[in-house]
Amino acid sequence: MKKKIFYALITILILVLIGIFLSKVFSGELIVKRYVFRVGNFELRWYSLLIVTGILLSYFLVRRRLKIFNINPEHLDEILFWGIISGIIGARIYYVIFMWEEYYSKYPSEIFKIWHGGLAIHGAIIGAIFSAYLYTKFKKDCSFTFLQGLDLFTSVLPLGQALGRWGNFFNYEAYGAPTNLPWGMYVPPYNRLPGYENFSKFHPTFLYESLIDFLIFLFLYKYELKKKNNGETTALYFILYSLNRFWIESLRTDSLYIGKIRVAQLISVILIVIGIIMFVYLRFKKPKEV
């Protein structure tokens, strides 16, 4: 009982400190830097640190459950390695495709310079899923199926996404439209997109998405132990994350477009439909594992 009270007090203290910190940043009283430290031309950026932290936390949470599903830890390590590589490649390819006419067709040498920015989460997910399929298909005596591997991945993925969004906070990017709401986030002039130079406060969409992603993680991580069939957790992830991303994207000022359609919203609708069909089929039709 004493431990629970202690942990509760620590949690409250941390939340209060975060609230104070955010209030100063959102008001413009404090300007954050994109890096943790700099040595010469090298910068350890918050974005990179948070992404790595999210991957490691997700990895250890999955690893704790391997015995429950009778999975070989070495197989997890191998698929994580290939998943990270294919995820980065997928994220970059996706971004370059939808920014080709606007930017990369004019500056093709920038395609490989990922340190200049330009990664898309939907591309990363597609890349990771593709590598998982290939791994489970060609790995001899793989200790998990394709859908089972996806479920383990998507049960913790929202946690990594929740942490990763704070990288956008430190970069002053991926913010929403101008707003007069009390929690509007101050964005320095040099980080404001063209056409928004005269506005100073914007929707902190990174915070909206991060909080909801964390709630999705709590739900899916628990649901993973209650599912009836492999693939259900992944289907729910497609639905829940895409619903969140759809409305967040409606607030964003830096969306990728196909004509007048926001790409992320289009992909979200497709994933919602796939997720609903997948979940109903797996939950009630009891298909053979893939």
C-alpha atoms as a PDB file:
ATOM      1  CA  MET A   1       0.000   0.000   0.000  1.00  0.00           C
ATOM      2  CA  LYS A   2       2.831   2.371   0.914  1.00  0.00           C
ATOM      3  CA  LYS A   3       4.568   1.624  -2.386  1.00  0.00           C
ATOM      4  CA  LYS A   4       1.404   2.436  -4.333  1.00  0.00           C
ATOM      5  CA  ILE A   5       1.043   5.745  -2.506  1.00  0.00           C
ATOM      6  CA  PHE A   6       4.711   6.533  -3.130  1.00  0.00           C
ATOM      7  CA  TYR A   7       4.450   5.767  -6.852  1.00  0.00           C
ATOM      8  CA  ALA A   8       1.245   7.782  -7.089  1.00  0.00           C
ATOM      9  CA  LEU A   9       2.907  10.791  -5.474  1.00  0.00           C
ATOM     10  CA  ILE A  10       5.939  10.497  -7.767  1.00  0.00           C
ATOM     11  CA  THR A  11       3.637  10.289 -10.798  1.00  0.00           C
ATOM     12  CA  ILE A  12       1.700  13.372  -9.688  1.00  0.00           C
ATOM     13  CA  LEU A  13       4.943  15.278  -9.087  1.00  0.00           C
ATOM     14  CA  ILE A  14       6.269  14.375 -12.541  1.00  0.00           C
ATOM     15  CA  LEU A  15       2.992  15.407 -14.203  1.00  0.00           C
ATOM     16  CA  VAL A  16       3.043  18.735 -12.350  1.00  0.00           C
ATOM     17  CA  LEU A  17       6.624  19.409 -13.444  1.00  0.00           C
ATOM     18  CA  ILE A  18       5.770  18.513 -17.041  1.00  0.00           C
ATOM     19  CA  GLY A  19       2.757  20.827 -16.846  1.00  0.00           C
ATOM     20  CA  ILE A  20       4.898  23.721 -15.603  1.00  0.00           C
ATOM     21  CA  PHE A  21       7.495  23.049 -18.300  1.00  0.00           C
ATOM     22  CA  LEU A  22       4.872  22.945 -21.067  1.00  0.00           C
ATOM     23  CA  SER A  23       3.161  26.100 -19.840  1.00  0.00           C
ATOM     24  CA  LYS A  24       6.444  28.006 -20.159  1.00  0.00           C
ATOM     25  CA  VAL A  25       7.166  26.603 -23.622  1.00  0.00           C
ATOM     26  CA  PHE A  26       3.611  27.100 -24.877  1.00  0.00           C
ATOM     27  CA  SER A  27       3.621  30.715 -23.683  1.00  0.00           C
ATOM     28  CA  GLY A  28       6.926  31.412 -25.424  1.00  0.00           C
ATOM     29  CA  GLU A  29       8.680  32.179 -22.143  1.00  0.00           C
ATOM     30  CA  LEU A  30      10.993  29.228 -22.764  1.00  0.00           C
ATOM     31  CA  ILE A  31      12.322  28.218 -26.189  1.00  0.00           C
ATOM     32  CA  VAL A  32      13.436  24.591 -26.415  1.00  0.00           C
ATOM     33  CA  LYS A  33      16.307  23.351 -28.558  1.00  0.00           C
ATOM     34  CA  ARG A  34      16.099  20.466 -30.998  1.00  0.00           C
ATOM     35  CA  TYR A  35      19.173  18.795 -29.555  1.00  0.00           C
ATOM     36  CA  VAL A  36      20.216  17.384 -26.176  1.00  0.00           C
ATOM     37  CA  PHE A  37      23.829  18.449 -26.684  1.00  0.00           C
ATOM     38  CA  ARG A  38      26.135  19.518 -29.485  1.00  0.00           C
ATOM     39  CA  VAL A  39      29.803  18.708 -30.047  1.00  0.00           C
ATOM     40  CA  GLY A  40      31.229  20.460 -33.083  1.00  0.00           C
ATOM     41  CA  ASN A  41      28.914  19.678 -35.996  1.00  0.00           C
ATOM     42  CA  PHE A  42      27.400  16.685 -34.219  1.00  0.00           C
ATOM     43  CA  GLU A  43      24.023  17.032 -32.520  1.00  0.00           C
ATOM     44  CA  LEU A  44      22.231  14.439 -30.440  1.00  0.00           C
ATOM     45  CA  ARG A  45      18.681  15.446 -31.261  1.00  0.00           C
ATOM     46  CA  TRP A  46      15.733  14.880 -28.985  1.00  0.00           C
ATOM     47  CA  TYR A  47      13.818  13.356 -31.887  1.00  0.00           C
ATOM     48  CA  SER A  48      16.395  10.586 -32.354  1.00  0.00           C
ATOM     49  CA  LEU A  49      16.733   9.989 -28.623  1.00  0.00           C
ATOM     50  CA  LEU A  50      12.974   9.693 -28.142  1.00  0.00           C
ATOM     51  CA  ILE A  51      12.558   7.346 -31.111  1.00  0.00           C
ATOM     52  CA  VAL A  52      15.300   5.069 -29.771  1.00  0.00           C
ATOM     53  CA  THR A  53      13.786   5.211 -26.280  1.00  0.00           C
ATOM     54  CA  GLY A  54      10.391   4.249 -27.687  1.00  0.00           C
ATOM     55  CA  ILE A  55      11.891   1.299 -29.571  1.00  0.00           C
ATOM     56  CA  LEU A  56      13.760   0.048 -26.488  1.00  0.00           C
ATOM     57  CA  LEU A  57      10.749   0.365 -24.173  1.00  0.00           C
ATOM     58  CA  SER A  58       8.541  -1.418 -26.685  1.00  0.00           C
ATOM     59  CA  TYR A  59      11.158  -4.124 -27.130  1.00  0.00           C
ATOM     60  CA  PHE A  60      11.426  -4.864 -23.403  1.00  0.00           C
ATOM     61  CA  LEU A  61       7.644  -4.895 -22.984  1.00  0.00           C
ATOM     62  CA  VAL A  62       7.316  -7.461 -25.776  1.00  0.00           C
ATOM     63  CA  ARG A  63      10.236  -9.491 -24.479  1.00  0.00           C
ATOM     64  CA  ARG A  64       8.517  -9.882 -21.100  1.00  0.00           C
ATOM     65  CA  ARG A  65       5.699 -11.751 -22.825  1.00  0.00           C
ATOM     66  CA  LEU A  66       7.666 -14.142 -25.012  1.00  0.00           C
ATOM     67  CA  LYS A  67       7.274 -17.068 -22.594  1.00  0.00           C
ATOM     68  CA  ILE A  68       3.507 -16.619 -22.616  1.00  0.00           C
ATOM     69  CA  PHE A  69       3.437 -17.140 -26.385  1.00  0.00           C
ATOM     70  CA  ASN A  70       6.353 -19.612 -26.456  1.00  0.00           C
ATOM     71  CA  ILE A  71       8.458 -17.413 -28.737  1.00  0.00           C
ATOM     72  CA  ASN A  72      12.213 -17.718 -29.196  1.00  0.00           C
ATOM     73  CA  PRO A  73      13.879 -14.446 -28.038  1.00  0.00           C
ATOM     74  CA  GLU A  74      16.460 -14.716 -30.826  1.00  0.00           C
ATOM     75  CA  HIS A  75      13.691 -14.571 -33.390  1.00  0.00           C
ATOM     76  CA  LEU A  76      12.378 -11.380 -31.793  1.00  0.00           C
ATOM     77  CA  ASP A  77      15.845  -9.803 -31.952  1.00  0.00           C
ATOM     78  CA  GLU A  78      16.247 -10.738 -35.596  1.00  0.00           C
ATOM     79  CA  ILE A  79      12.872  -9.431 -36.718  1.00  0.00           C
ATOM     80  CA  LEU A  80      13.408  -6.228 -34.720  1.00  0.00           C
ATOM     81  CA  PHE A  81      16.691  -5.629 -36.537  1.00  0.00           C
ATOM     82  CA  TRP A  82      15.137  -6.082 -39.975  1.00  0.00           C
ATOM     83  CA  GLY A  83      11.985  -4.251 -38.939  1.00  0.00           C
ATOM     84  CA  ILE A  84      13.924  -1.115 -37.949  1.00  0.00           C
ATOM     85  CA  ILE A  85      15.884  -1.089 -41.213  1.00  0.00           C
ATOM     86  CA  SER A  86      12.830  -1.692 -43.422  1.00  0.00           C
ATOM     87  CA  GLY A  87      10.797   0.784 -41.354  1.00  0.00           C
ATOM     88  CA  ILE A  88      13.313   3.574 -41.957  1.00  0.00           C
ATOM     89  CA  ILE A  89      13.522   2.748 -45.658  1.00  0.00           C
ATOM     90  CA  GLY A  90       9.726   2.592 -45.940  1.00  0.00           C
ATOM     91  CA  ALA A  91       9.291   5.866 -44.077  1.00  0.00           C
ATOM     92  CA  ARG A  92      11.718   7.603 -46.409  1.00  0.00           C
ATOM     93  CA  ILE A  93      10.363   6.141 -49.642  1.00  0.00           C
ATOM     94  CA  TYR A  94       6.807   7.084 -48.638  1.00  0.00           C
ATOM     95  CA  TYR A  95       7.810  10.677 -47.876  1.00  0.00           C
ATOM     96  CA  VAL A  96       9.888  11.086 -51.042  1.00  0.00           C
ATOM     97  CA  ILE A  97       7.071   9.754 -53.240  1.00  0.00           C
ATOM     98  CA  PHE A  98       4.570  12.316 -51.985  1.00  0.00           C
ATOM     99  CA  MET A  99       7.109  15.157 -51.962  1.00  0.00           C
ATOM    100  CA  TRP A 100       8.654  14.254 -55.328  1.00  0.00           C
ATOM    101  CA  GLU A 101       7.144  16.964 -57.518  1.00  0.00           C
ATOM    102  CA  GLU A 102       7.317  19.633 -54.856  1.00  0.00           C
ATOM    103  CA  TYR A 103      10.888  19.061 -53.708  1.00  0.00           C
ATOM    104  CA  TYR A 104      12.872  15.902 -54.516  1.00  0.00           C
ATOM    105  CA  SER A 105      12.515  16.107 -58.299  1.00  0.00           C
ATOM    106  CA  LYS A 106      14.372  19.423 -58.019  1.00  0.00           C
ATOM    107  CA  TYR A 107      16.911  18.254 -55.431  1.00  0.00           C
ATOM    108  CA  PRO A 108      17.432  14.503 -56.012  1.00  0.00           C
ATOM    109  CA  SER A 109      20.666  14.516 -53.997  1.00  0.00           C
ATOM    110  CA  GLU A 110      18.543  15.150 -50.892  1.00  0.00           C
ATOM    111  CA  ILE A 111      16.734  11.809 -51.194  1.00  0.00           C
ATOM    112  CA  PHE A 112      19.325   9.936 -49.172  1.00  0.00           C
ATOM    113  CA  LYS A 113      19.943  12.673 -46.599  1.00  0.00           C
ATOM    114  CA  ILE A 114      17.446  11.485 -43.997  1.00  0.00           C
ATOM    115  CA  TRP A 115      19.215  13.563 -41.340  1.00  0.00           C
ATOM    116  CA  HIS A 116      17.651  16.584 -43.027  1.00  0.00           C
ATOM    117  CA  GLY A 117      14.224  15.248 -42.055  1.00  0.00           C
ATOM    118  CA  GLY A 118      11.448  13.627 -44.028  1.00  0.00           C
ATOM    119  CA  LEU A 119      10.132  10.369 -42.585  1.00  0.00           C
ATOM    120  CA  ALA A 120       6.478   9.290 -42.596  1.00  0.00           C
ATOM    121  CA  ILE A 121       5.023   6.950 -39.959  1.00  0.00           C
ATOM    122  CA  HIS A 122       2.674   5.237 -42.436  1.00  0.00           C
ATOM    123  CA  GLY A 123       5.653   4.343 -44.614  1.00  0.00           C
ATOM    124  CA  ALA A 124       7.508   3.002 -41.568  1.00  0.00           C
ATOM    125  CA  ILE A 125       4.544   0.785 -40.643  1.00  0.00           C
ATOM    126  CA  ILE A 126       4.241  -0.552 -44.194  1.00  0.00           C
ATOM    127  CA  GLY A 127       7.968  -1.279 -44.298  1.00  0.00           C
ATOM    128  CA  ALA A 128       7.943  -3.054 -40.931  1.00  0.00           C
ATOM    129  CA  ILE A 129       4.913  -5.172 -41.867  1.00  0.00           C
ATOM    130  CA  PHE A 130       6.542  -6.151 -45.166  1.00  0.00           C
ATOM    131  CA  SER A 131       9.734  -7.272 -43.411  1.00  0.00           C
ATOM    132  CA  ALA A 132       7.685  -9.238 -40.843  1.00  0.00           C
ATOM    133  CA  TYR A 133       5.904 -11.059 -43.651  1.00  0.00           C
ATOM    134  CA  LEU A 134       9.157 -11.964 -45.392  1.00  0.00           C
ATOM    135  CA  TYR A 135      10.780 -13.045 -42.125  1.00  0.00           C
ATOM    136  CA  THR A 136       7.959 -15.361 -41.074  1.00  0.00           C
ATOM    137  CA  LYS A 137       7.648 -16.749 -44.602  1.00  0.00           C
ATOM    138  CA  PHE A 138      11.293 -17.616 -45.172  1.00  0.00           C
ATOM    139  CA  LYS A 139      12.664 -18.139 -41.657  1.00  0.00           C
ATOM    140  CA  LYS A 140      12.944 -21.847 -40.938  1.00  0.00           C
ATOM    141  CA  ASP A 141      11.211 -22.961 -37.739  1.00  0.00           C
ATOM    142  CA  CYS A 142      10.053 -19.428 -36.927  1.00  0.00           C
ATOM    143  CA  SER A 143       8.512 -19.513 -33.455  1.00  0.00           C
ATOM    144  CA  PHE A 144       5.640 -17.179 -34.336  1.00  0.00           C
ATOM    145  CA  THR A 145       3.262 -16.664 -37.233  1.00  0.00           C
ATOM    146  CA  PHE A 146       2.958 -13.516 -39.318  1.00  0.00           C
ATOM    147  CA  LEU A 147      -0.216 -12.349 -37.571  1.00  0.00           C
ATOM    148  CA  GLN A 148       1.121 -13.226 -34.140  1.00  0.00           C
ATOM    149  CA  GLY A 149       4.241 -11.189 -34.833  1.00  0.00           C
ATOM    150  CA  LEU A 150       2.131  -8.269 -36.034  1.00  0.00           C
ATOM    151  CA  ASP A 151       0.045  -8.381 -32.866  1.00  0.00           C
ATOM    152  CA  LEU A 152       3.122  -8.200 -30.658  1.00  0.00           C
ATOM    153  CA  PHE A 153       4.372  -5.284 -32.755  1.00  0.00           C
ATOM    154  CA  THR A 154       1.123  -3.304 -32.803  1.00  0.00           C
ATOM    155  CA  SER A 155       0.400  -3.912 -29.110  1.00  0.00           C
ATOM    156  CA  VAL A 156       3.386  -1.693 -28.212  1.00  0.00           C
ATOM    157  CA  LEU A 157       3.749   0.466 -31.335  1.00  0.00           C
ATOM    158  CA  PRO A 158       1.461   3.239 -30.009  1.00  0.00           C
ATOM    159  CA  LEU A 159       3.812   3.681 -27.037  1.00  0.00           C
ATOM    160  CA  GLY A 160       6.724   4.321 -29.386  1.00  0.00           C
ATOM    161  CA  GLN A 161       4.576   6.709 -31.396  1.00  0.00           C
ATOM    162  CA  ALA A 162       3.484   8.543 -28.246  1.00  0.00           C
ATOM    163  CA  LEU A 163       7.115   9.136 -27.296  1.00  0.00           C
ATOM    164  CA  GLY A 164       8.207   9.929 -30.835  1.00  0.00           C
ATOM    165  CA  ARG A 165       5.700  12.763 -31.142  1.00  0.00           C
ATOM    166  CA  TRP A 166       7.598  14.648 -28.455  1.00  0.00           C
ATOM    167  CA  GLY A 167      10.439  14.851 -30.952  1.00  0.00           C
ATOM    168  CA  ASN A 168       8.123  17.054 -33.038  1.00  0.00           C
ATOM    169  CA  PHE A 169       7.649  19.224 -29.951  1.00  0.00           C
ATOM    170  CA  PHE A 170      11.386  19.887 -29.603  1.00  0.00           C
ATOM    171  CA  ASN A 171      11.662  20.507 -33.360  1.00  0.00           C
ATOM    172  CA  TYR A 172       8.673  22.888 -33.390  1.00  0.00           C
ATOM    173  CA  GLU A 173       7.129  20.910 -36.247  1.00  0.00           C
ATOM    174  CA  ALA A 174       3.973  18.949 -37.068  1.00  0.00           C
ATOM    175  CA  TYR A 175       1.891  21.531 -35.224  1.00  0.00           C
ATOM    176  CA  GLY A 176      -1.683  22.401 -36.072  1.00  0.00           C
ATOM    177  CA  ALA A 177      -3.544  25.437 -37.319  1.00  0.00           C
ATOM    178  CA  PRO A 178      -3.407  28.796 -35.505  1.00  0.00           C
ATOM    179  CA  THR A 179      -5.543  28.929 -32.371  1.00  0.00           C
ATOM    180  CA  ASN A 180      -6.512  31.296 -29.562  1.00  0.00           C
ATOM    181  CA  LEU A 181      -7.191  28.467 -27.127  1.00  0.00           C
ATOM    182  CA  PRO A 182      -5.439  28.757 -23.730  1.00  0.00           C
ATOM    183  CA  TRP A 183      -3.239  25.749 -24.513  1.00  0.00           C
ATOM    184  CA  GLY A 184      -2.090  27.053 -27.883  1.00  0.00           C
ATOM    185  CA  MET A 185       1.630  26.446 -28.454  1.00  0.00           C
ATOM    186  CA  TYR A 186       3.982  29.302 -29.248  1.00  0.00           C
ATOM    187  CA  VAL A 187       6.091  28.636 -32.350  1.00  0.00           C
ATOM    188  CA  PRO A 188       9.155  30.841 -32.989  1.00  0.00           C
ATOM    189  CA  PRO A 189       9.026  32.886 -36.227  1.00  0.00           C
ATOM    190  CA  TYR A 190      11.799  30.849 -37.888  1.00  0.00           C
ATOM    191  CA  ASN A 191       9.757  27.652 -37.432  1.00  0.00           C
ATOM    192  CA  ARG A 192       6.498  28.985 -38.845  1.00  0.00           C
ATOM    193  CA  LEU A 193       5.424  27.673 -42.220  1.00  0.00           C
ATOM    194  CA  PRO A 194       4.919  30.053 -45.172  1.00  0.00           C
ATOM    195  CA  GLY A 195       1.579  31.811 -44.855  1.00  0.00           C
ATOM    196  CA  TYR A 196       1.543  31.583 -41.058  1.00  0.00           C
ATOM    197  CA  GLU A 197       4.229  34.159 -40.293  1.00  0.00           C
ATOM    198  CA  ASN A 198       1.759  36.499 -38.574  1.00  0.00           C
ATOM    199  CA  PHE A 199       0.463  33.863 -36.165  1.00  0.00           C
ATOM    200  CA  SER A 200       2.252  32.892 -32.974  1.00  0.00           C
ATOM    201  CA  LYS A 201       0.050  30.254 -31.279  1.00  0.00           C
ATOM    202  CA  PHE A 202      -0.836  26.911 -32.865  1.00  0.00           C
ATOM    203  CA  HIS A 203      -2.619  23.695 -31.913  1.00  0.00           C
ATOM    204  CA  PRO A 204      -0.113  21.378 -30.161  1.00  0.00           C
ATOM    205  CA  THR A 205      -1.129  18.413 -32.301  1.00  0.00           C
ATOM    206  CA  PHE A 206       1.935  16.501 -31.121  1.00  0.00           C
ATOM    207  CA  LEU A 207       0.437  16.548 -27.611  1.00  0.00           C
ATOM    208  CA  TYR A 208      -3.054  15.538 -28.739  1.00  0.00           C
ATOM    209  CA  GLU A 209      -1.722  12.601 -30.706  1.00  0.00           C
ATOM    210  CA  SER A 210       0.763  11.568 -28.022  1.00  0.00           C
ATOM    211  CA  LEU A 211      -1.853  11.395 -25.267  1.00  0.00           C
ATOM    212  CA  ILE A 212      -4.327   9.404 -27.361  1.00  0.00           C
ATOM    213  CA  ASP A 213      -1.585   7.084 -28.657  1.00  0.00           C
ATOM    214  CA  PHE A 214      -0.635   6.340 -25.051  1.00  0.00           C
ATOM    215  CA  LEU A 215      -4.243   5.446 -24.211  1.00  0.00           C
ATOM    216  CA  ILE A 216      -4.389   3.217 -27.299  1.00  0.00           C
ATOM    217  CA  PHE A 217      -1.215   1.498 -26.096  1.00  0.00           C
ATOM    218  CA  LEU A 218      -2.687   0.829 -22.640  1.00  0.00           C
ATOM    219  CA  PHE A 219      -5.765  -0.726 -24.239  1.00  0.00           C
ATOM    220  CA  LEU A 220      -3.986  -2.843 -26.882  1.00  0.00           C
ATOM    221  CA  TYR A 221      -1.254  -4.080 -24.549  1.00  0.00           C
ATOM    222  CA  LYS A 222      -3.929  -5.437 -22.235  1.00  0.00           C
ATOM    223  CA  TYR A 223      -6.140  -6.691 -25.068  1.00  0.00           C
ATOM    224  CA  GLU A 224      -3.259  -8.718 -26.526  1.00  0.00           C
ATOM    225  CA  LEU A 225      -3.649 -11.186 -23.627  1.00  0.00           C
ATOM    226  CA  LYS A 226      -7.415 -11.478 -24.124  1.00  0.00           C
ATOM    227  CA  LYS A 227      -7.679 -11.886 -27.894  1.00  0.00           C
ATOM    228  CA  LYS A 228      -9.288 -14.986 -29.373  1.00  0.00           C
ATOM    229  CA  ASN A 229      -7.327 -15.106 -32.610  1.00  0.00           C
ATOM    230  CA  ASN A 230      -4.055 -13.748 -33.927  1.00  0.00           C
ATOM    231  CA  GLY A 231      -4.521 -10.562 -35.908  1.00  0.00           C
ATOM    232  CA  GLU A 232      -7.214  -9.006 -33.701  1.00  0.00           C
ATOM    233  CA  THR A 233      -4.792  -6.640 -31.952  1.00  0.00           C
ATOM    234  CA  THR A 234      -3.432  -5.485 -35.299  1.00  0.00           C
ATOM    235  CA  ALA A 235      -6.939  -4.896 -36.631  1.00  0.00           C
ATOM    236  CA  LEU A 236      -7.819  -2.802 -33.577  1.00  0.00           C
ATOM    237  CA  TYR A 237      -4.594  -0.849 -33.962  1.00  0.00           C
ATOM    238  CA  PHE A 238      -5.479  -0.027 -37.570  1.00  0.00           C
ATOM    239  CA  ILE A 239      -8.881   1.245 -36.444  1.00  0.00           C
ATOM    240  CA  LEU A 240      -7.936   3.160 -33.302  1.00  0.00           C
ATOM    241  CA  TYR A 241      -4.712   4.740 -34.512  1.00  0.00           C
ATOM    242  CA  SER A 242      -6.264   5.702 -37.849  1.00  0.00           C
ATOM    243  CA  LEU A 243      -9.257   7.352 -36.175  1.00  0.00           C
ATOM    244  CA  ASN A 244      -6.846   9.372 -34.072  1.00  0.00           C
ATOM    245  CA  ARG A 245      -4.615  10.258 -37.016  1.00  0.00           C
ATOM    246  CA  PHE A 246      -7.569  11.237 -39.223  1.00  0.00           C
ATOM    247  CA  TRP A 247      -8.775  14.010 -36.928  1.00  0.00           C
ATOM    248  CA  ILE A 248      -5.240  15.088 -35.985  1.00  0.00           C
ATOM    249  CA  GLU A 249      -4.397  15.443 -39.664  1.00  0.00           C
ATOM    250  CA  SER A 250      -7.371  17.777 -40.135  1.00  0.00           C
ATOM    251  CA  LEU A 251      -5.587  20.207 -37.801  1.00  0.00           C
ATOM    252  CA  ARG A 252      -2.095  19.877 -39.289  1.00  0.00           C
ATOM    253  CA  THR A 253      -0.559  22.580 -41.477  1.00  0.00           C
ATOM    254  CA  ASP A 254       2.145  20.419 -43.087  1.00  0.00           C
ATOM    255  CA  SER A 255       0.171  17.549 -44.597  1.00  0.00           C
ATOM    256  CA  LEU A 256       1.221  15.606 -47.669  1.00  0.00           C
ATOM    257  CA  TYR A 257      -1.382  15.862 -50.448  1.00  0.00           C
ATOM    258  CA  ILE A 258      -2.661  14.041 -53.514  1.00  0.00           C
ATOM    259  CA  GLY A 259      -4.447  16.873 -55.243  1.00  0.00           C
ATOM    260  CA  LYS A 260      -6.612  18.309 -52.485  1.00  0.00           C
ATOM    261  CA  ILE A 261      -6.759  15.105 -50.471  1.00  0.00           C
ATOM    262  CA  ARG A 262      -4.570  14.714 -47.402  1.00  0.00           C
ATOM    263  CA  VAL A 263      -2.608  11.491 -47.884  1.00  0.00           C
ATOM    264  CA  ALA A 264      -2.612  10.579 -44.194  1.00  0.00           C
ATOM    265  CA  GLN A 265      -6.400  10.887 -44.038  1.00  0.00           C
ATOM    266  CA  LEU A 266      -6.825   8.752 -47.139  1.00  0.00           C
ATOM    267  CA  ILE A 267      -4.526   6.052 -45.721  1.00  0.00           C
ATOM    268  CA  SER A 268      -6.338   6.286 -42.385  1.00  0.00           C
ATOM    269  CA  VAL A 269      -9.719   5.637 -44.017  1.00  0.00           C
ATOM    270  CA  ILE A 270      -8.284   2.647 -45.889  1.00  0.00           C
ATOM    271  CA  LEU A 271      -6.776   1.229 -42.690  1.00  0.00           C
ATOM    272  CA  ILE A 272     -10.025   1.745 -40.766  1.00  0.00           C
ATOM    273  CA  VAL A 273     -11.946  -0.242 -43.385  1.00  0.00           C
ATOM    274  CA  ILE A 274      -9.272  -2.965 -43.459  1.00  0.00           C
ATOM    275  CA  GLY A 275      -9.201  -3.045 -39.656  1.00  0.00           C
ATOM    276  CA  ILE A 276     -12.981  -3.427 -39.309  1.00  0.00           C
ATOM    277  CA  ILE A 277     -13.162  -6.209 -41.917  1.00  0.00           C
ATOM    278  CA  MET A 278     -10.134  -7.921 -40.382  1.00  0.00           C
ATOM    279  CA  PHE A 279     -11.451  -7.770 -36.831  1.00  0.00           C
ATOM    280  CA  VAL A 280     -14.940  -9.027 -37.652  1.00  0.00           C
ATOM    281  CA  TYR A 281     -13.530 -11.859 -39.763  1.00  0.00           C
ATOM    282  CA  LEU A 282     -10.945 -12.958 -37.202  1.00  0.00           C
ATOM    283  CA  ARG A 283     -13.184 -12.552 -34.177  1.00  0.00           C
ATOM    284  CA  PHE A 284     -16.243 -14.383 -35.450  1.00  0.00           C
ATOM    285  CA  LYS A 285     -15.191 -16.506 -38.419  1.00  0.00           C
ATOM    286  CA  LYS A 286     -12.179 -18.069 -36.664  1.00  0.00           C
ATOM    287  CA  PRO A 287      -9.950 -18.380 -39.728  1.00  0.00           C
ATOM    288  CA  LYS A 288      -6.850 -20.499 -39.975  1.00  0.00           C
ATOM    289  CA  GLU A 289      -3.735 -18.677 -38.717  1.00  0.00           C
ATOM    290  CA  VAL A 290      -1.592 -17.040 -41.368  1.00  0.00           C
END
